[in-house]
Amino acid sequence: MTLSVARDFISFGIRCNCISPVRVHIPFVDGFLKKNYPGKEKEMYDKLSKSQPIGRMAKSEEIAYLILYLCSDEASFITGCDYPIDGGSIKLNT
C-alpha cells in the first residue's frame, strides 16, 4: 500500500513512507497491564520487554525521531519505503 501511494502521488511531489513499530512504551501499555494483570504489572512489563531482542520496549521519542527525519529535507529522496523500528524483532527472530 505504501509503495502504491508513493507511486500515485510522486508526480505531485508527495512522498509516502511507512513506519512499523513493535512494542512502544506509552501510557496505553501501563493502562493495559493495570487492567488485565492487576498486581503483576511489573512482571508482565518485564516479560513484554524481554520478548524484544533488544531487551526493552521502544520509547515514543525514538519513533518520533524517525518520523521527524522522514519529514525533513534530508529525507527528500526517500519514498515508498517501510521502516520497521522493532528492536531487531524481524531480523533477529528469524
N, C-alpha and C. Protein backbone atom coordinates (compact mmCIF):
# COMPACT_ATOMS: atom_id res chain seq x y z
N MET A 1 0.82 -1.18 0.00
CA MET A 1 0.00 0.00 0.00
C MET A 1 0.88 1.26 0.00
N THR A 2 1.92 1.24 0.81
CA THR A 2 2.82 2.39 0.87
C THR A 2 3.44 2.67 -0.50
N LEU A 3 3.91 1.63 -1.15
CA LEU A 3 4.52 1.78 -2.46
C LEU A 3 3.50 2.29 -3.49
N SER A 4 2.28 1.79 -3.40
CA SER A 4 1.22 2.21 -4.31
C SER A 4 0.91 3.70 -4.13
N VAL A 5 0.77 4.14 -2.90
CA VAL A 5 0.50 5.55 -2.62
C VAL A 5 1.68 6.41 -3.08
N ALA A 6 2.90 5.93 -2.81
CA ALA A 6 4.09 6.67 -3.24
C ALA A 6 4.10 6.85 -4.76
N ARG A 7 3.77 5.79 -5.48
CA ARG A 7 3.73 5.88 -6.95
C ARG A 7 2.64 6.83 -7.43
N ASP A 8 1.47 6.76 -6.81
CA ASP A 8 0.34 7.58 -7.23
C ASP A 8 0.57 9.07 -7.03
N PHE A 9 1.36 9.44 -6.02
CA PHE A 9 1.48 10.86 -5.69
C PHE A 9 2.87 11.45 -5.94
N ILE A 10 3.78 10.66 -6.45
CA ILE A 10 5.14 11.17 -6.67
C ILE A 10 5.16 12.35 -7.63
N SER A 11 4.29 12.34 -8.63
CA SER A 11 4.27 13.44 -9.60
C SER A 11 3.78 14.75 -8.99
N PHE A 12 3.16 14.68 -7.80
CA PHE A 12 2.70 15.87 -7.09
C PHE A 12 3.73 16.34 -6.06
N GLY A 13 4.86 15.65 -6.00
CA GLY A 13 5.88 16.00 -5.01
C GLY A 13 5.57 15.50 -3.62
N ILE A 14 4.67 14.54 -3.54
CA ILE A 14 4.28 13.97 -2.24
C ILE A 14 4.96 12.63 -2.07
N ARG A 15 5.64 12.48 -0.95
CA ARG A 15 6.31 11.22 -0.63
C ARG A 15 5.47 10.44 0.37
N CYS A 16 5.59 9.14 0.33
CA CYS A 16 4.85 8.28 1.28
C CYS A 16 5.80 7.20 1.78
N ASN A 17 5.92 7.11 3.08
CA ASN A 17 6.71 6.07 3.72
C ASN A 17 5.89 5.50 4.87
N CYS A 18 6.31 4.36 5.35
CA CYS A 18 5.60 3.66 6.41
C CYS A 18 6.56 3.37 7.56
N ILE A 19 6.08 3.55 8.77
CA ILE A 19 6.85 3.19 9.96
C ILE A 19 6.10 2.06 10.65
N SER A 20 6.82 0.98 10.95
CA SER A 20 6.21 -0.20 11.56
C SER A 20 6.87 -0.50 12.91
N PRO A 21 6.40 0.15 13.96
CA PRO A 21 6.98 -0.13 15.28
C PRO A 21 6.41 -1.41 15.87
N VAL A 22 7.16 -2.00 16.78
CA VAL A 22 6.63 -3.15 17.52
C VAL A 22 6.12 -2.59 18.85
N ARG A 23 6.60 -3.04 19.97
CA ARG A 23 6.11 -2.54 21.25
C ARG A 23 6.75 -1.20 21.61
N VAL A 24 5.89 -0.22 21.89
CA VAL A 24 6.33 1.10 22.29
C VAL A 24 5.75 1.36 23.67
N HIS A 25 6.60 1.77 24.60
CA HIS A 25 6.11 2.04 25.95
C HIS A 25 5.43 3.40 25.99
N ILE A 26 4.10 3.35 25.95
CA ILE A 26 3.26 4.54 26.03
C ILE A 26 2.28 4.32 27.16
N PRO A 27 1.57 5.35 27.62
CA PRO A 27 0.63 5.18 28.72
C PRO A 27 -0.40 4.06 28.50
N PHE A 28 -0.76 3.81 27.25
CA PHE A 28 -1.71 2.73 26.96
C PHE A 28 -1.20 1.40 27.50
N VAL A 29 0.09 1.13 27.34
CA VAL A 29 0.67 -0.13 27.81
C VAL A 29 0.49 -0.26 29.32
N ASP A 30 0.80 0.81 30.05
CA ASP A 30 0.65 0.77 31.50
C ASP A 30 -0.81 0.53 31.90
N GLY A 31 -1.74 1.20 31.20
CA GLY A 31 -3.16 1.01 31.49
C GLY A 31 -3.62 -0.40 31.17
N PHE A 32 -3.15 -0.95 30.06
CA PHE A 32 -3.49 -2.31 29.67
C PHE A 32 -3.01 -3.31 30.72
N LEU A 33 -1.77 -3.14 31.17
CA LEU A 33 -1.23 -4.05 32.18
C LEU A 33 -1.97 -3.92 33.50
N LYS A 34 -2.29 -2.71 33.89
CA LYS A 34 -3.02 -2.49 35.14
C LYS A 34 -4.40 -3.14 35.09
N LYS A 35 -5.08 -3.00 33.97
CA LYS A 35 -6.43 -3.56 33.82
C LYS A 35 -6.42 -5.08 33.72
N ASN A 36 -5.48 -5.63 32.96
CA ASN A 36 -5.50 -7.05 32.67
C ASN A 36 -4.62 -7.91 33.57
N TYR A 37 -3.67 -7.30 34.27
CA TYR A 37 -2.76 -8.04 35.14
C TYR A 37 -2.58 -7.32 36.48
N PRO A 38 -3.68 -7.07 37.19
CA PRO A 38 -3.56 -6.32 38.45
C PRO A 38 -2.62 -7.03 39.43
N GLY A 39 -1.71 -6.25 39.97
CA GLY A 39 -0.74 -6.79 40.91
C GLY A 39 0.47 -7.45 40.25
N LYS A 40 0.40 -7.64 38.94
CA LYS A 40 1.50 -8.28 38.22
C LYS A 40 2.02 -7.38 37.09
N GLU A 41 1.75 -6.09 37.21
CA GLU A 41 2.12 -5.15 36.15
C GLU A 41 3.62 -5.19 35.86
N LYS A 42 4.44 -5.12 36.89
CA LYS A 42 5.90 -5.09 36.69
C LYS A 42 6.38 -6.39 36.05
N GLU A 43 5.88 -7.51 36.53
CA GLU A 43 6.26 -8.81 35.99
C GLU A 43 5.92 -8.90 34.50
N MET A 44 4.71 -8.49 34.14
CA MET A 44 4.28 -8.56 32.75
C MET A 44 5.02 -7.55 31.87
N TYR A 45 5.29 -6.36 32.43
CA TYR A 45 6.06 -5.36 31.69
C TYR A 45 7.45 -5.91 31.37
N ASP A 46 8.08 -6.51 32.36
CA ASP A 46 9.41 -7.10 32.15
C ASP A 46 9.36 -8.22 31.11
N LYS A 47 8.31 -9.03 31.17
CA LYS A 47 8.17 -10.13 30.21
C LYS A 47 8.01 -9.59 28.78
N LEU A 48 7.17 -8.59 28.62
CA LEU A 48 6.99 -7.98 27.29
C LEU A 48 8.28 -7.33 26.81
N SER A 49 8.98 -6.65 27.70
CA SER A 49 10.23 -6.00 27.33
C SER A 49 11.27 -7.01 26.89
N LYS A 50 11.39 -8.09 27.63
CA LYS A 50 12.40 -9.10 27.33
C LYS A 50 12.07 -9.91 26.07
N SER A 51 10.83 -9.83 25.61
CA SER A 51 10.48 -10.54 24.37
C SER A 51 11.05 -9.83 23.14
N GLN A 52 11.48 -8.59 23.31
CA GLN A 52 12.15 -7.85 22.24
C GLN A 52 13.62 -8.27 22.24
N PRO A 53 14.20 -8.56 21.09
CA PRO A 53 15.63 -8.93 21.06
C PRO A 53 16.54 -7.89 21.72
N ILE A 54 16.17 -6.63 21.62
CA ILE A 54 16.99 -5.56 22.20
C ILE A 54 16.81 -5.47 23.72
N GLY A 55 15.79 -6.17 24.25
CA GLY A 55 15.60 -6.26 25.70
C GLY A 55 14.74 -5.20 26.34
N ARG A 56 14.08 -4.39 25.53
CA ARG A 56 13.19 -3.35 26.08
C ARG A 56 12.20 -2.92 25.02
N MET A 57 11.20 -2.17 25.46
CA MET A 57 10.25 -1.58 24.52
C MET A 57 10.86 -0.28 23.97
N ALA A 58 10.37 0.13 22.83
CA ALA A 58 10.80 1.41 22.26
C ALA A 58 10.25 2.55 23.09
N LYS A 59 10.91 3.67 23.03
CA LYS A 59 10.41 4.90 23.64
C LYS A 59 9.69 5.67 22.54
N SER A 60 8.64 6.38 22.89
CA SER A 60 7.88 7.12 21.88
C SER A 60 8.76 8.13 21.14
N GLU A 61 9.73 8.71 21.85
CA GLU A 61 10.60 9.68 21.17
C GLU A 61 11.50 9.02 20.12
N GLU A 62 11.79 7.74 20.27
CA GLU A 62 12.57 7.04 19.26
C GLU A 62 11.78 6.91 17.96
N ILE A 63 10.49 6.69 18.08
CA ILE A 63 9.63 6.65 16.91
C ILE A 63 9.51 8.05 16.31
N ALA A 64 9.37 9.03 17.18
CA ALA A 64 9.23 10.42 16.73
C ALA A 64 10.46 10.89 15.96
N TYR A 65 11.65 10.48 16.38
CA TYR A 65 12.87 10.89 15.67
C TYR A 65 12.88 10.36 14.23
N LEU A 66 12.39 9.15 14.04
CA LEU A 66 12.33 8.61 12.68
C LEU A 66 11.30 9.39 11.85
N ILE A 67 10.17 9.69 12.44
CA ILE A 67 9.15 10.49 11.75
C ILE A 67 9.72 11.86 11.37
N LEU A 68 10.39 12.48 12.31
CA LEU A 68 10.98 13.80 12.07
C LEU A 68 11.97 13.74 10.91
N TYR A 69 12.80 12.71 10.90
CA TYR A 69 13.76 12.56 9.80
C TYR A 69 13.04 12.39 8.46
N LEU A 70 12.06 11.51 8.42
CA LEU A 70 11.37 11.25 7.15
C LEU A 70 10.61 12.47 6.64
N CYS A 71 10.23 13.36 7.53
CA CYS A 71 9.53 14.59 7.13
C CYS A 71 10.50 15.72 6.78
N SER A 72 11.78 15.51 7.02
CA SER A 72 12.76 16.57 6.81
C SER A 72 13.26 16.60 5.36
N ASP A 73 13.93 17.69 5.03
CA ASP A 73 14.55 17.81 3.70
C ASP A 73 15.66 16.79 3.50
N GLU A 74 16.28 16.35 4.59
CA GLU A 74 17.35 15.35 4.48
C GLU A 74 16.85 14.03 3.91
N ALA A 75 15.55 13.78 4.02
CA ALA A 75 14.96 12.53 3.51
C ALA A 75 14.17 12.76 2.22
N SER A 76 14.47 13.84 1.53
CA SER A 76 13.67 14.21 0.36
C SER A 76 13.75 13.23 -0.81
N PHE A 77 14.70 12.31 -0.79
CA PHE A 77 14.85 11.33 -1.86
C PHE A 77 14.30 9.96 -1.46
N ILE A 78 13.62 9.91 -0.33
CA ILE A 78 13.10 8.64 0.20
C ILE A 78 11.58 8.60 0.03
N THR A 79 11.09 7.58 -0.65
CA THR A 79 9.65 7.38 -0.78
C THR A 79 9.36 5.91 -1.08
N GLY A 80 8.20 5.45 -0.65
CA GLY A 80 7.78 4.08 -0.92
C GLY A 80 8.42 3.03 -0.04
N CYS A 81 8.98 3.44 1.09
CA CYS A 81 9.72 2.51 1.96
C CYS A 81 8.99 2.24 3.27
N ASP A 82 9.22 1.05 3.79
CA ASP A 82 8.73 0.68 5.13
C ASP A 82 9.93 0.64 6.07
N TYR A 83 9.77 1.24 7.22
CA TYR A 83 10.84 1.26 8.22
C TYR A 83 10.38 0.52 9.47
N PRO A 84 10.79 -0.74 9.61
CA PRO A 84 10.48 -1.44 10.85
C PRO A 84 11.38 -0.89 11.96
N ILE A 85 10.77 -0.41 13.00
CA ILE A 85 11.52 0.09 14.15
C ILE A 85 11.10 -0.81 15.31
N ASP A 86 11.82 -1.93 15.40
CA ASP A 86 11.31 -3.06 16.16
C ASP A 86 12.32 -3.71 17.11
N GLY A 87 13.41 -3.06 17.37
CA GLY A 87 14.37 -3.62 18.30
C GLY A 87 14.97 -4.93 17.83
N GLY A 88 14.98 -5.14 16.54
CA GLY A 88 15.57 -6.36 15.98
C GLY A 88 14.63 -7.52 15.82
N SER A 89 13.34 -7.34 16.04
CA SER A 89 12.38 -8.44 16.01
C SER A 89 12.35 -9.18 14.67
N ILE A 90 12.33 -8.46 13.59
CA ILE A 90 12.21 -9.11 12.27
C ILE A 90 13.48 -9.87 11.93
N LYS A 91 14.59 -9.23 12.02
CA LYS A 91 15.86 -9.83 11.57
C LYS A 91 16.43 -10.83 12.57
N LEU A 92 16.29 -10.57 13.84
CA LEU A 92 16.95 -11.41 14.84
C LEU A 92 16.10 -12.60 15.31
N ASN A 93 14.81 -12.57 15.01
CA ASN A 93 13.94 -13.68 15.42
C ASN A 93 13.69 -14.68 14.31
N THR A 94 14.34 -14.51 13.17
CA THR A 94 14.11 -15.46 12.07
C THR A 94 15.17 -16.52 12.01
